[in-house]
């Protein structure tokens, strides 16, 4: 009578490795995407702090931005941020101070844009 060894065949081992490698790649991709979003979230948070600071300074000084674009740079969190501020009008035609904050390249899109109409509300 033939004695059959118990264990896995080469084909079973290869299938198991293929399944494991697919699962490992999916996990690595998820971790990579999560890391990228976490970094971006930190940038957006710091950019919002920059915008909030500029709006708060303007509010405290009762400074109403002009329609001409004002711009500057500020360092926060060890990073240089570019900002642009101006007066804009909302859909109802009411004026508001608006600040947009950028990181990096000159042609980059704004990470954050905030508006504050409270400085203008006393005029109307």
PDB file of N, CA and C in Angstrom:
ATOM      1  N   UNK A   1       0.828  -1.149   0.000  1.00  0.00           N
ATOM      2  CA  UNK A   1       0.000   0.000   0.000  1.00  0.00           C
ATOM      3  C   UNK A   1       0.891   1.238   0.000  1.00  0.00           C
ATOM      4  N   UNK A   2       0.511   2.223  -0.838  1.00  0.00           N
ATOM      5  CA  UNK A   2       1.320   3.431  -0.955  1.00  0.00           C
ATOM      6  C   UNK A   2       1.036   4.365   0.208  1.00  0.00           C
ATOM      7  N   UNK A   3       2.117   4.899   0.703  1.00  0.00           N
ATOM      8  CA  UNK A   3       1.996   5.834   1.821  1.00  0.00           C
ATOM      9  C   UNK A   3       2.046   7.255   1.250  1.00  0.00           C
ATOM     10  N   UNK A   4       1.023   8.031   1.490  1.00  0.00           N
ATOM     11  CA  UNK A   4       0.946   9.392   0.944  1.00  0.00           C
ATOM     12  C   UNK A   4       1.427  10.378   2.004  1.00  0.00           C
ATOM     13  N   UNK A   5       2.382  11.247   1.616  1.00  0.00           N
ATOM     14  CA  UNK A   5       2.910  12.279   2.517  1.00  0.00           C
ATOM     15  C   UNK A   5       1.884  13.403   2.632  1.00  0.00           C
ATOM     16  N   UNK A   6       1.726  13.921   3.824  1.00  0.00           N
ATOM     17  CA  UNK A   6       0.832  15.069   3.978  1.00  0.00           C
ATOM     18  C   UNK A   6       1.665  16.338   3.831  1.00  0.00           C
ATOM     19  N   UNK A   7       1.074  17.364   3.286  1.00  0.00           N
ATOM     20  CA  UNK A   7       1.775  18.615   3.061  1.00  0.00           C
ATOM     21  C   UNK A   7       1.199  19.329   1.860  1.00  0.00           C
ATOM     22  N   UNK A   8       1.815  20.440   1.500  1.00  0.00           N
ATOM     23  CA  UNK A   8       1.319  21.248   0.399  1.00  0.00           C
ATOM     24  C   UNK A   8       2.140  20.974  -0.850  1.00  0.00           C
ATOM     25  N   UNK A   9       1.456  20.970  -1.982  1.00  0.00           N
ATOM     26  CA  UNK A   9       2.156  20.796  -3.247  1.00  0.00           C
ATOM     27  C   UNK A   9       2.757  22.133  -3.662  1.00  0.00           C
ATOM     28  N   UNK A  10       3.618  22.087  -4.622  1.00  0.00           N
ATOM     29  CA  UNK A  10       4.251  23.308  -5.130  1.00  0.00           C
ATOM     30  C   UNK A  10       3.202  24.273  -5.671  1.00  0.00           C
ATOM     31  N   UNK A  11       2.208  23.761  -6.355  1.00  0.00           N
ATOM     32  CA  UNK A  11       1.148  24.600  -6.907  1.00  0.00           C
ATOM     33  C   UNK A  11       0.381  25.310  -5.788  1.00  0.00           C
ATOM     34  N   UNK A  12       0.076  24.614  -4.716  1.00  0.00           N
ATOM     35  CA  UNK A  12      -0.626  25.219  -3.588  1.00  0.00           C
ATOM     36  C   UNK A  12       0.213  26.323  -2.935  1.00  0.00           C
ATOM     37  N   UNK A  13       1.506  26.087  -2.822  1.00  0.00           N
ATOM     38  CA  UNK A  13       2.399  27.101  -2.256  1.00  0.00           C
ATOM     39  C   UNK A  13       2.438  28.337  -3.148  1.00  0.00           C
ATOM     40  N   UNK A  14       2.513  28.146  -4.459  1.00  0.00           N
ATOM     41  CA  UNK A  14       2.561  29.279  -5.390  1.00  0.00           C
ATOM     42  C   UNK A  14       1.260  30.085  -5.347  1.00  0.00           C
ATOM     43  N   UNK A  15       0.125  29.398  -5.264  1.00  0.00           N
ATOM     44  CA  UNK A  15      -1.162  30.094  -5.179  1.00  0.00           C
ATOM     45  C   UNK A  15      -1.236  30.890  -3.873  1.00  0.00           C
ATOM     46  N   UNK A  16      -0.790  30.292  -2.774  1.00  0.00           N
ATOM     47  CA  UNK A  16      -0.798  30.984  -1.486  1.00  0.00           C
ATOM     48  C   UNK A  16       0.096  32.220  -1.527  1.00  0.00           C
ATOM     49  N   UNK A  17       1.272  32.121  -2.140  1.00  0.00           N
ATOM     50  CA  UNK A  17       2.170  33.275  -2.262  1.00  0.00           C
ATOM     51  C   UNK A  17       1.567  34.370  -3.138  1.00  0.00           C
ATOM     52  N   UNK A  18       0.878  33.986  -4.206  1.00  0.00           N
ATOM     53  CA  UNK A  18       0.239  34.969  -5.080  1.00  0.00           C
ATOM     54  C   UNK A  18      -0.848  35.729  -4.317  1.00  0.00           C
ATOM     55  N   UNK A  19      -1.640  35.017  -3.533  1.00  0.00           N
ATOM     56  CA  UNK A  19      -2.690  35.662  -2.740  1.00  0.00           C
ATOM     57  C   UNK A  19      -2.071  36.594  -1.704  1.00  0.00           C
ATOM     58  N   UNK A  20      -1.037  36.133  -1.015  1.00  0.00           N
ATOM     59  CA  UNK A  20      -0.372  36.954  -0.004  1.00  0.00           C
ATOM     60  C   UNK A  20       0.244  38.206  -0.620  1.00  0.00           C
ATOM     61  N   UNK A  21       0.910  38.056  -1.768  1.00  0.00           N
ATOM     62  CA  UNK A  21       1.561  39.221  -2.383  1.00  0.00           C
ATOM     63  C   UNK A  21       0.531  40.240  -2.857  1.00  0.00           C
ATOM     64  N   UNK A  22      -0.615  39.783  -3.352  1.00  0.00           N
ATOM     65  CA  UNK A  22      -1.670  40.700  -3.768  1.00  0.00           C
ATOM     66  C   UNK A  22      -2.204  41.483  -2.567  1.00  0.00           C
ATOM     67  N   UNK A  23      -2.417  40.780  -1.466  1.00  0.00           N
ATOM     68  CA  UNK A  23      -2.894  41.448  -0.252  1.00  0.00           C
ATOM     69  C   UNK A  23      -1.850  42.433   0.278  1.00  0.00           C
ATOM     70  N   UNK A  24      -0.572  42.063   0.234  1.00  0.00           N
ATOM     71  CA  UNK A  24       0.495  42.944   0.714  1.00  0.00           C
ATOM     72  C   UNK A  24       0.597  44.200  -0.153  1.00  0.00           C
ATOM     73  N   UNK A  25       0.468  44.059  -1.475  1.00  0.00           N
ATOM     74  CA  UNK A  25       0.510  45.223  -2.365  1.00  0.00           C
ATOM     75  C   UNK A  25      -0.668  46.161  -2.103  1.00  0.00           C
ATOM     76  N   UNK A  26      -1.846  45.596  -1.883  1.00  0.00           N
ATOM     77  CA  UNK A  26      -3.016  46.427  -1.586  1.00  0.00           C
ATOM     78  C   UNK A  26      -2.812  47.193  -0.283  1.00  0.00           C
ATOM     79  N   UNK A  27      -2.256  46.543   0.716  1.00  0.00           N
ATOM     80  CA  UNK A  27      -1.988  47.201   1.993  1.00  0.00           C
ATOM     81  C   UNK A  27      -0.953  48.316   1.835  1.00  0.00           C
ATOM     82  N   UNK A  28       0.105  48.060   1.077  1.00  0.00           N
ATOM     83  CA  UNK A  28       1.135  49.085   0.853  1.00  0.00           C
ATOM     84  C   UNK A  28       0.551  50.294   0.122  1.00  0.00           C
ATOM     85  N   UNK A  29      -0.323  50.048  -0.854  1.00  0.00           N
ATOM     86  CA  UNK A  29      -0.956  51.141  -1.588  1.00  0.00           C
ATOM     87  C   UNK A  29      -1.832  51.978  -0.655  1.00  0.00           C
ATOM     88  N   UNK A  30      -2.581  51.322   0.206  1.00  0.00           N
ATOM     89  CA  UNK A  30      -3.431  52.031   1.164  1.00  0.00           C
ATOM     90  C   UNK A  30      -2.599  52.894   2.101  1.00  0.00           C
ATOM     91  N   UNK A  31      -1.501  52.371   2.584  1.00  0.00           N
ATOM     92  CA  UNK A  31      -0.623  53.128   3.480  1.00  0.00           C
ATOM     93  C   UNK A  31      -0.022  54.326   2.755  1.00  0.00           C
ATOM     94  N   UNK A  32       0.373  54.138   1.499  1.00  0.00           N
ATOM     95  CA  UNK A  32       0.953  55.226   0.710  1.00  0.00           C
ATOM     96  C   UNK A  32      -0.059  56.353   0.496  1.00  0.00           C
ATOM     97  N   UNK A  33      -1.272  56.004   0.121  1.00  0.00           N
ATOM     98  CA  UNK A  33      -2.314  57.011  -0.094  1.00  0.00           C
ATOM     99  C   UNK A  33      -2.625  57.739   1.211  1.00  0.00           C
ATOM    100  N   UNK A  34      -2.709  56.998   2.293  1.00  0.00           N
ATOM    101  CA  UNK A  34      -2.984  57.594   3.603  1.00  0.00           C
ATOM    102  C   UNK A  34      -1.885  58.574   4.006  1.00  0.00           C
ATOM    103  N   UNK A  35      -0.642  58.218   3.756  1.00  0.00           N
ATOM    104  CA  UNK A  35       0.483  59.098   4.077  1.00  0.00           C
ATOM    105  C   UNK A  35       0.422  60.384   3.257  1.00  0.00           C
ATOM    106  N   UNK A  36       0.094  60.269   1.967  1.00  0.00           N
ATOM    107  CA  UNK A  36      -0.017  61.458   1.115  1.00  0.00           C
ATOM    108  C   UNK A  36      -1.124  62.384   1.603  1.00  0.00           C
ATOM    109  N   UNK A  37      -2.285  61.824   1.946  1.00  0.00           N
ATOM    110  CA  UNK A  37      -3.393  62.643   2.430  1.00  0.00           C
ATOM    111  C   UNK A  37      -3.070  63.294   3.768  1.00  0.00           C
ATOM    112  N   UNK A  38      -2.351  62.594   4.622  1.00  0.00           N
ATOM    113  CA  UNK A  38      -1.981  63.158   5.920  1.00  0.00           C
ATOM    114  C   UNK A  38      -1.070  64.369   5.733  1.00  0.00           C
ATOM    115  N   UNK A  39      -0.101  64.266   4.826  1.00  0.00           N
ATOM    116  CA  UNK A  39       0.779  65.400   4.535  1.00  0.00           C
ATOM    117  C   UNK A  39       0.010  66.577   3.970  1.00  0.00           C
ATOM    118  N   UNK A  40      -0.907  66.317   3.065  1.00  0.00           N
ATOM    119  CA  UNK A  40      -1.714  67.383   2.463  1.00  0.00           C
ATOM    120  C   UNK A  40      -2.615  68.032   3.514  1.00  0.00           C
ATOM    121  N   UNK A  41      -3.172  67.221   4.394  1.00  0.00           N
ATOM    122  CA  UNK A  41      -4.023  67.758   5.448  1.00  0.00           C
ATOM    123  C   UNK A  41      -3.243  68.712   6.349  1.00  0.00           C
ATOM    124  N   UNK A  42      -2.001  68.369   6.665  1.00  0.00           N
ATOM    125  CA  UNK A  42      -1.156  69.258   7.465  1.00  0.00           C
ATOM    126  C   UNK A  42      -0.898  70.573   6.757  1.00  0.00           C
ATOM    127  N   UNK A  43      -0.658  70.523   5.438  1.00  0.00           N
ATOM    128  CA  UNK A  43      -0.446  71.750   4.664  1.00  0.00           C
ATOM    129  C   UNK A  43      -1.700  72.626   4.661  1.00  0.00           C
ATOM    130  N   UNK A  44      -2.851  72.006   4.456  1.00  0.00           N
ATOM    131  CA  UNK A  44      -4.104  72.769   4.430  1.00  0.00           C
ATOM    132  C   UNK A  44      -4.382  73.387   5.799  1.00  0.00           C
ATOM    133  N   UNK A  45      -4.091  72.660   6.858  1.00  0.00           N
ATOM    134  CA  UNK A  45      -4.300  73.185   8.208  1.00  0.00           C
ATOM    135  C   UNK A  45      -3.418  74.406   8.466  1.00  0.00           C
ATOM    136  N   UNK A  46      -2.121  74.313   8.129  1.00  0.00           N
ATOM    137  CA  UNK A  46      -1.227  75.455   8.340  1.00  0.00           C
ATOM    138  C   UNK A  46      -1.612  76.631   7.440  1.00  0.00           C
ATOM    139  N   UNK A  47      -2.018  76.349   6.206  1.00  0.00           N
ATOM    140  CA  UNK A  47      -2.458  77.420   5.301  1.00  0.00           C
ATOM    141  C   UNK A  47      -3.703  78.113   5.857  1.00  0.00           C
ATOM    142  N   UNK A  48      -4.606  77.349   6.454  1.00  0.00           N
ATOM    143  CA  UNK A  48      -5.799  77.976   7.038  1.00  0.00           C
ATOM    144  C   UNK A  48      -5.429  78.847   8.234  1.00  0.00           C
ATOM    145  N   UNK A  49      -4.419  78.442   9.000  1.00  0.00           N
ATOM    146  CA  UNK A  49      -3.952  79.286  10.110  1.00  0.00           C
ATOM    147  C   UNK A  49      -3.395  80.600   9.592  1.00  0.00           C
ATOM    148  N   UNK A  50      -2.631  80.535   8.492  1.00  0.00           N
ATOM    149  CA  UNK A  50      -2.080  81.759   7.894  1.00  0.00           C
ATOM    150  C   UNK A  50      -3.223  82.680   7.469  1.00  0.00           C
ATOM    151  N   UNK A  51      -4.208  82.129   6.763  1.00  0.00           N
ATOM    152  CA  UNK A  51      -5.342  82.940   6.299  1.00  0.00           C
ATOM    153  C   UNK A  51      -6.125  83.518   7.478  1.00  0.00           C
ATOM    154  N   UNK A  52      -6.355  82.697   8.498  1.00  0.00           N
ATOM    155  CA  UNK A  52      -7.083  83.180   9.675  1.00  0.00           C
ATOM    156  C   UNK A  52      -6.322  84.295  10.385  1.00  0.00           C
ATOM    157  N   UNK A  53      -4.995  84.190  10.457  1.00  0.00           N
ATOM    158  CA  UNK A  53      -4.189  85.244  11.081  1.00  0.00           C
ATOM    159  C   UNK A  53      -4.304  86.557  10.315  1.00  0.00           C
ATOM    160  N   UNK A  54      -4.229  86.494   8.996  1.00  0.00           N
ATOM    161  CA  UNK A  54      -4.308  87.714   8.178  1.00  0.00           C
ATOM    162  C   UNK A  54      -5.690  88.348   8.313  1.00  0.00           C
ATOM    163  N   UNK A  55      -6.728  87.515   8.288  1.00  0.00           N
ATOM    164  CA  UNK A  55      -8.097  88.030   8.455  1.00  0.00           C
ATOM    165  C   UNK A  55      -8.271  88.623   9.855  1.00  0.00           C
ATOM    166  N   UNK A  56      -7.730  87.960  10.875  1.00  0.00           N
ATOM    167  CA  UNK A  56      -7.853  88.465  12.254  1.00  0.00           C
ATOM    168  C   UNK A  56      -7.127  89.793  12.416  1.00  0.00           C
ATOM    169  N   UNK A  57      -5.920  89.918  11.838  1.00  0.00           N
ATOM    170  CA  UNK A  57      -5.182  91.181  11.913  1.00  0.00           C
ATOM    171  C   UNK A  57      -5.957  92.300  11.227  1.00  0.00           C
ATOM    172  N   UNK A  58      -6.539  92.006  10.064  1.00  0.00           N
ATOM    173  CA  UNK A  58      -7.327  93.017   9.352  1.00  0.00           C
ATOM    174  C   UNK A  58      -8.569  93.393  10.161  1.00  0.00           C
ATOM    175  N   UNK A  59      -9.195  92.402  10.762  1.00  0.00           N
ATOM    176  CA  UNK A  59     -10.401  92.659  11.560  1.00  0.00           C
ATOM    177  C   UNK A  59     -10.077  93.521  12.781  1.00  0.00           C
ATOM    178  N   UNK A  60      -8.993  93.196  13.480  1.00  0.00           N
ATOM    179  CA  UNK A  60      -8.608  93.967  14.667  1.00  0.00           C
ATOM    180  C   UNK A  60      -8.257  95.409  14.325  1.00  0.00           C
ATOM    181  N   UNK A  61      -7.670  95.622  13.155  1.00  0.00           N
ATOM    182  CA  UNK A  61      -7.290  96.969  12.730  1.00  0.00           C
ATOM    183  C   UNK A  61      -8.410  97.656  11.947  1.00  0.00           C
ATOM    184  N   UNK A  62      -9.567  96.992  11.831  1.00  0.00           N
ATOM    185  CA  UNK A  62     -10.683  97.489  11.006  1.00  0.00           C
ATOM    186  C   UNK A  62     -10.201  97.830   9.605  1.00  0.00           C
ATOM    187  N   UNK A  63      -9.306  97.006   9.090  1.00  0.00           N
ATOM    188  CA  UNK A  63      -8.711  97.209   7.773  1.00  0.00           C
ATOM    189  C   UNK A  63      -9.594  96.578   6.707  1.00  0.00           C
ATOM    190  N   UNK A  64     -10.045  97.413   5.783  1.00  0.00           N
ATOM    191  CA  UNK A  64     -10.835  96.924   4.659  1.00  0.00           C
ATOM    192  C   UNK A  64      -9.905  96.804   3.458  1.00  0.00           C
ATOM    193  N   UNK A  65      -9.799  95.612   2.910  1.00  0.00           N
ATOM    194  CA  UNK A  65      -8.919  95.398   1.761  1.00  0.00           C
ATOM    195  C   UNK A  65      -9.449  96.163   0.555  1.00  0.00           C
ATOM    196  N   UNK A  66      -8.530  96.577  -0.302  1.00  0.00           N
ATOM    197  CA  UNK A  66      -8.928  97.250  -1.534  1.00  0.00           C
ATOM    198  C   UNK A  66      -9.193  96.198  -2.609  1.00  0.00           C
ATOM    199  N   UNK A  67      -9.743  96.673  -3.737  1.00  0.00           N
ATOM    200  CA  UNK A  67      -9.987  95.745  -4.838  1.00  0.00           C
ATOM    201  C   UNK A  67      -8.685  95.344  -5.516  1.00  0.00           C
ATOM    202  N   UNK A  68      -7.636  96.135  -5.295  1.00  0.00           N
ATOM    203  CA  UNK A  68      -6.322  95.764  -5.829  1.00  0.00           C
ATOM    204  C   UNK A  68      -5.746  94.635  -4.998  1.00  0.00           C
ATOM    205  N   UNK A  69      -5.130  93.687  -5.674  1.00  0.00           N
ATOM    206  CA  UNK A  69      -4.557  92.523  -5.000  1.00  0.00           C
ATOM    207  C   UNK A  69      -3.374  92.944  -4.139  1.00  0.00           C
ATOM    208  N   UNK A  70      -3.429  92.605  -2.857  1.00  0.00           N
ATOM    209  CA  UNK A  70      -2.289  92.771  -1.952  1.00  0.00           C
ATOM    210  C   UNK A  70      -1.682  91.387  -1.779  1.00  0.00           C
ATOM    211  N   UNK A  71      -0.373  91.321  -1.654  1.00  0.00           N
ATOM    212  CA  UNK A  71       0.246  90.012  -1.463  1.00  0.00           C
ATOM    213  C   UNK A  71       1.459  90.106  -0.564  1.00  0.00           C
ATOM    214  N   UNK A  72       1.833  88.969  -0.035  1.00  0.00           N
ATOM    215  CA  UNK A  72       2.982  88.909   0.846  1.00  0.00           C
ATOM    216  C   UNK A  72       3.348  87.469   1.136  1.00  0.00           C
ATOM    217  N   UNK A  73       4.339  87.309   1.986  1.00  0.00           N
ATOM    218  CA  UNK A  73       4.758  85.972   2.404  1.00  0.00           C
ATOM    219  C   UNK A  73       4.880  85.953   3.920  1.00  0.00           C
ATOM    220  N   UNK A  74       4.727  84.784   4.467  1.00  0.00           N
ATOM    221  CA  UNK A  74       4.856  84.588   5.907  1.00  0.00           C
ATOM    222  C   UNK A  74       5.400  83.175   6.126  1.00  0.00           C
ATOM    223  N   UNK A  75       6.156  83.009   7.205  1.00  0.00           N
ATOM    224  CA  UNK A  75       6.682  81.690   7.539  1.00  0.00           C
ATOM    225  C   UNK A  75       5.889  81.135   8.714  1.00  0.00           C
ATOM    226  N   UNK A  76       5.398  79.931   8.543  1.00  0.00           N
ATOM    227  CA  UNK A  76       4.693  79.242   9.626  1.00  0.00           C
ATOM    228  C   UNK A  76       4.994  77.755   9.516  1.00  0.00           C
ATOM    229  N   UNK A  77       5.318  77.153  10.639  1.00  0.00           N
ATOM    230  CA  UNK A  77       5.620  75.726  10.641  1.00  0.00           C
ATOM    231  C   UNK A  77       6.873  75.397   9.853  1.00  0.00           C
ATOM    232  N   UNK A  78       7.799  76.353   9.792  1.00  0.00           N
ATOM    233  CA  UNK A  78       9.037  76.126   9.056  1.00  0.00           C
ATOM    234  C   UNK A  78       8.876  76.164   7.550  1.00  0.00           C
ATOM    235  N   UNK A  79       7.735  76.635   7.065  1.00  0.00           N
ATOM    236  CA  UNK A  79       7.470  76.679   5.630  1.00  0.00           C
ATOM    237  C   UNK A  79       7.067  78.089   5.226  1.00  0.00           C
ATOM    238  N   UNK A  80       7.463  78.477   4.035  1.00  0.00           N
ATOM    239  CA  UNK A  80       7.127  79.792   3.488  1.00  0.00           C
ATOM    240  C   UNK A  80       5.764  79.705   2.802  1.00  0.00           C
ATOM    241  N   UNK A  81       4.867  80.618   3.133  1.00  0.00           N
ATOM    242  CA  UNK A  81       3.522  80.654   2.555  1.00  0.00           C
ATOM    243  C   UNK A  81       3.326  81.978   1.838  1.00  0.00           C
ATOM    244  N   UNK A  82       2.762  81.923   0.651  1.00  0.00           N
ATOM    245  CA  UNK A  82       2.398  83.134  -0.080  1.00  0.00           C
ATOM    246  C   UNK A  82       0.917  83.393   0.150  1.00  0.00           C
ATOM    247  N   UNK A  83       0.548  84.656   0.324  1.00  0.00           N
ATOM    248  CA  UNK A  83      -0.861  84.987   0.477  1.00  0.00           C
ATOM    249  C   UNK A  83      -1.225  86.149  -0.432  1.00  0.00           C
ATOM    250  N   UNK A  84      -2.476  86.186  -0.812  1.00  0.00           N
ATOM    251  CA  UNK A  84      -3.030  87.284  -1.593  1.00  0.00           C
ATOM    252  C   UNK A  84      -4.332  87.698  -0.925  1.00  0.00           C
ATOM    253  N   UNK A  85      -4.537  89.007  -0.813  1.00  0.00           N
ATOM    254  CA  UNK A  85      -5.737  89.519  -0.160  1.00  0.00           C
ATOM    255  C   UNK A  85      -6.349  90.617  -1.011  1.00  0.00           C
ATOM    256  N   UNK A  86      -7.659  90.670  -1.007  1.00  0.00           N
ATOM    257  CA  UNK A  86      -8.362  91.726  -1.718  1.00  0.00           C
ATOM    258  C   UNK A  86      -9.815  91.763  -1.268  1.00  0.00           C
ATOM    259  N   UNK A  87     -10.488  92.849  -1.652  1.00  0.00           N
ATOM    260  CA  UNK A  87     -11.914  92.959  -1.395  1.00  0.00           C
ATOM    261  C   UNK A  87     -12.644  92.288  -2.552  1.00  0.00           C
ATOM    262  N   UNK A  88     -13.598  91.454  -2.212  1.00  0.00           N
ATOM    263  CA  UNK A  88     -14.438  90.808  -3.225  1.00  0.00           C
ATOM    264  C   UNK A  88     -15.893  91.081  -2.866  1.00  0.00           C
ATOM    265  N   UNK A  89     -16.778  90.841  -3.808  1.00  0.00           N
ATOM    266  CA  UNK A  89     -18.212  90.986  -3.542  1.00  0.00           C
ATOM    267  C   UNK A  89     -18.862  89.614  -3.650  1.00  0.00           C
ATOM    268  N   UNK A  90     -19.779  89.337  -2.720  1.00  0.00           N
ATOM    269  CA  UNK A  90     -20.481  88.056  -2.754  1.00  0.00           C
ATOM    270  C   UNK A  90     -21.617  88.121  -3.776  1.00  0.00           C
ATOM    271  N   UNK A  91     -22.432  87.061  -3.831  1.00  0.00           N
ATOM    272  CA  UNK A  91     -23.515  87.008  -4.822  1.00  0.00           C
ATOM    273  C   UNK A  91     -24.538  88.119  -4.629  1.00  0.00           C
ATOM    274  N   UNK A  92     -24.687  88.583  -3.394  1.00  0.00           N
ATOM    275  CA  UNK A  92     -25.636  89.666  -3.112  1.00  0.00           C
ATOM    276  C   UNK A  92     -25.016  91.046  -3.347  1.00  0.00           C
ATOM    277  N   UNK A  93     -23.749  91.084  -3.751  1.00  0.00           N
ATOM    278  CA  UNK A  93     -23.071  92.345  -4.006  1.00  0.00           C
ATOM    279  C   UNK A  93     -22.460  92.989  -2.783  1.00  0.00           C
ATOM    280  N   UNK A  94     -22.446  92.276  -1.663  1.00  0.00           N
ATOM    281  CA  UNK A  94     -21.864  92.821  -0.431  1.00  0.00           C
ATOM    282  C   UNK A  94     -20.358  92.572  -0.412  1.00  0.00           C
ATOM    283  N   UNK A  95     -19.577  93.576   0.028  1.00  0.00           N
ATOM    284  CA  UNK A  95     -18.118  93.420   0.042  1.00  0.00           C
ATOM    285  C   UNK A  95     -17.643  92.541   1.200  1.00  0.00           C
ATOM    286  N   UNK A  96     -16.478  91.918   0.986  1.00  0.00           N
ATOM    287  CA  UNK A  96     -15.851  91.088   2.025  1.00  0.00           C
ATOM    288  C   UNK A  96     -14.347  91.065   1.794  1.00  0.00           C
ATOM    289  N   UNK A  97     -13.599  90.970   2.884  1.00  0.00           N
ATOM    290  CA  UNK A  97     -12.155  90.733   2.784  1.00  0.00           C
ATOM    291  C   UNK A  97     -11.941  89.268   2.424  1.00  0.00           C
ATOM    292  N   UNK A  98     -11.089  89.003   1.455  1.00  0.00           N
ATOM    293  CA  UNK A  98     -10.798  87.620   1.059  1.00  0.00           C
ATOM    294  C   UNK A  98      -9.296  87.391   1.041  1.00  0.00           C
ATOM    295  N   UNK A  99      -8.863  86.272   1.609  1.00  0.00           N
ATOM    296  CA  UNK A  99      -7.449  85.896   1.650  1.00  0.00           C
ATOM    297  C   UNK A  99      -7.299  84.510   1.047  1.00  0.00           C
ATOM    298  N   UNK A 100      -6.347  84.363   0.127  1.00  0.00           N
ATOM    299  CA  UNK A 100      -5.992  83.060  -0.438  1.00  0.00           C
ATOM    300  C   UNK A 100      -4.546  82.769  -0.069  1.00  0.00           C
ATOM    301  N   UNK A 101      -4.257  81.527   0.308  1.00  0.00           N
ATOM    302  CA  UNK A 101      -2.917  81.139   0.747  1.00  0.00           C
ATOM    303  C   UNK A 101      -2.402  80.030  -0.160  1.00  0.00           C
ATOM    304  N   UNK A 102      -1.130  80.172  -0.553  1.00  0.00           N
ATOM    305  CA  UNK A 102      -0.482  79.249  -1.485  1.00  0.00           C
ATOM    306  C   UNK A 102       0.802  78.702  -0.865  1.00  0.00           C
ATOM    307  N   UNK A 103       1.154  77.502  -1.260  1.00  0.00           N
ATOM    308  CA  UNK A 103       2.436  76.914  -0.847  1.00  0.00           C
ATOM    309  C   UNK A 103       3.195  76.522  -2.106  1.00  0.00           C
ATOM    310  N   UNK A 104       4.489  76.697  -2.078  1.00  0.00           N
ATOM    311  CA  UNK A 104       5.305  76.196  -3.186  1.00  0.00           C
ATOM    312  C   UNK A 104       5.320  77.087  -4.400  1.00  0.00           C
ATOM    313  N   UNK A 105       5.077  76.468  -5.552  1.00  0.00           N
ATOM    314  CA  UNK A 105       5.284  77.107  -6.851  1.00  0.00           C
ATOM    315  C   UNK A 105       4.421  78.346  -7.036  1.00  0.00           C
ATOM    316  N   UNK A 106       4.897  79.198  -7.920  1.00  0.00           N
ATOM    317  CA  UNK A 106       4.209  80.457  -8.224  1.00  0.00           C
ATOM    318  C   UNK A 106       2.839  80.199  -8.852  1.00  0.00           C
ATOM    319  N   UNK A 107       2.716  79.160  -9.663  1.00  0.00           N
ATOM    320  CA  UNK A 107       1.469  78.887 -10.377  1.00  0.00           C
ATOM    321  C   UNK A 107       0.571  77.897  -9.650  1.00  0.00           C
ATOM    322  N   UNK A 108       0.885  77.572  -8.408  1.00  0.00           N
ATOM    323  CA  UNK A 108       0.089  76.598  -7.660  1.00  0.00           C
ATOM    324  C   UNK A 108      -1.290  77.175  -7.346  1.00  0.00           C
ATOM    325  N   UNK A 109      -2.264  76.300  -7.210  1.00  0.00           N
ATOM    326  CA  UNK A 109      -3.599  76.761  -6.831  1.00  0.00           C
ATOM    327  C   UNK A 109      -3.650  76.980  -5.319  1.00  0.00           C
ATOM    328  N   UNK A 110      -4.584  77.798  -4.896  1.00  0.00           N
ATOM    329  CA  UNK A 110      -4.696  78.149  -3.477  1.00  0.00           C
ATOM    330  C   UNK A 110      -5.073  76.920  -2.655  1.00  0.00           C
ATOM    331  N   UNK A 111      -4.370  76.740  -1.537  1.00  0.00           N
ATOM    332  CA  UNK A 111      -4.734  75.662  -0.618  1.00  0.00           C
ATOM    333  C   UNK A 111      -5.973  76.042   0.174  1.00  0.00           C
ATOM    334  N   UNK A 112      -6.081  77.324   0.526  1.00  0.00           N
ATOM    335  CA  UNK A 112      -7.196  77.805   1.341  1.00  0.00           C
ATOM    336  C   UNK A 112      -7.589  79.195   0.858  1.00  0.00           C
ATOM    337  N   UNK A 113      -8.879  79.461   0.803  1.00  0.00           N
ATOM    338  CA  UNK A 113      -9.402  80.805   0.552  1.00  0.00           C
ATOM    339  C   UNK A 113     -10.477  81.081   1.594  1.00  0.00           C
ATOM    340  N   UNK A 114     -10.284  82.150   2.368  1.00  0.00           N
ATOM    341  CA  UNK A 114     -11.241  82.535   3.409  1.00  0.00           C
ATOM    342  C   UNK A 114     -11.751  83.943   3.146  1.00  0.00           C
ATOM    343  N   UNK A 115     -12.999  84.181   3.520  1.00  0.00           N
ATOM    344  CA  UNK A 115     -13.604  85.509   3.384  1.00  0.00           C
ATOM    345  C   UNK A 115     -14.182  85.949   4.716  1.00  0.00           C
ATOM    346  N   UNK A 116     -14.181  87.280   4.931  1.00  0.00           N
ATOM    347  CA  UNK A 116     -14.739  87.859   6.155  1.00  0.00           C
ATOM    348  C   UNK A 116     -15.446  89.155   5.790  1.00  0.00           C
ATOM    349  N   UNK A 117     -16.746  89.189   5.988  1.00  0.00           N
ATOM    350  CA  UNK A 117     -17.527  90.381   5.656  1.00  0.00           C
ATOM    351  C   UNK A 117     -17.802  91.248   6.873  1.00  0.00           C
ATOM    352  N   UNK A 118     -17.385  90.818   8.058  1.00  0.00           N
ATOM    353  CA  UNK A 118     -17.759  91.540   9.279  1.00  0.00           C
ATOM    354  C   UNK A 118     -17.165  92.947   9.351  1.00  0.00           C
ATOM    355  N   UNK A 119     -16.004  93.172   8.750  1.00  0.00           N
ATOM    356  CA  UNK A 119     -15.398  94.513   8.762  1.00  0.00           C
ATOM    357  C   UNK A 119     -16.246  95.478   7.941  1.00  0.00           C
ATOM    358  N   UNK A 120     -16.895  94.958   6.911  1.00  0.00           N
ATOM    359  CA  UNK A 120     -17.675  95.799   6.013  1.00  0.00           C
ATOM    360  C   UNK A 120     -19.101  96.011   6.509  1.00  0.00           C
ATOM    361  N   UNK A 121     -19.587  95.190   7.405  1.00  0.00           N
ATOM    362  CA  UNK A 121     -21.004  95.235   7.786  1.00  0.00           C
ATOM    363  C   UNK A 121     -21.400  96.540   8.474  1.00  0.00           C
ATOM    364  N   UNK A 122     -20.457  97.247   9.081  1.00  0.00           N
ATOM    365  CA  UNK A 122     -20.789  98.505   9.762  1.00  0.00           C
ATOM    366  C   UNK A 122     -21.111  99.630   8.782  1.00  0.00           C
ATOM    367  N   UNK A 123     -20.710  99.477   7.512  1.00  0.00           N
ATOM    368  CA  UNK A 123     -20.948 100.520   6.509  1.00  0.00           C
ATOM    369  C   UNK A 123     -22.364 100.486   5.954  1.00  0.00           C
ATOM    370  N   UNK A 124     -23.039  99.369   6.108  1.00  0.00           N
ATOM    371  CA  UNK A 124     -24.284  99.219   5.366  1.00  0.00           C
ATOM    372  C   UNK A 124     -25.498  99.280   6.217  1.00  0.00           C
TER     373      UNK A 124
END
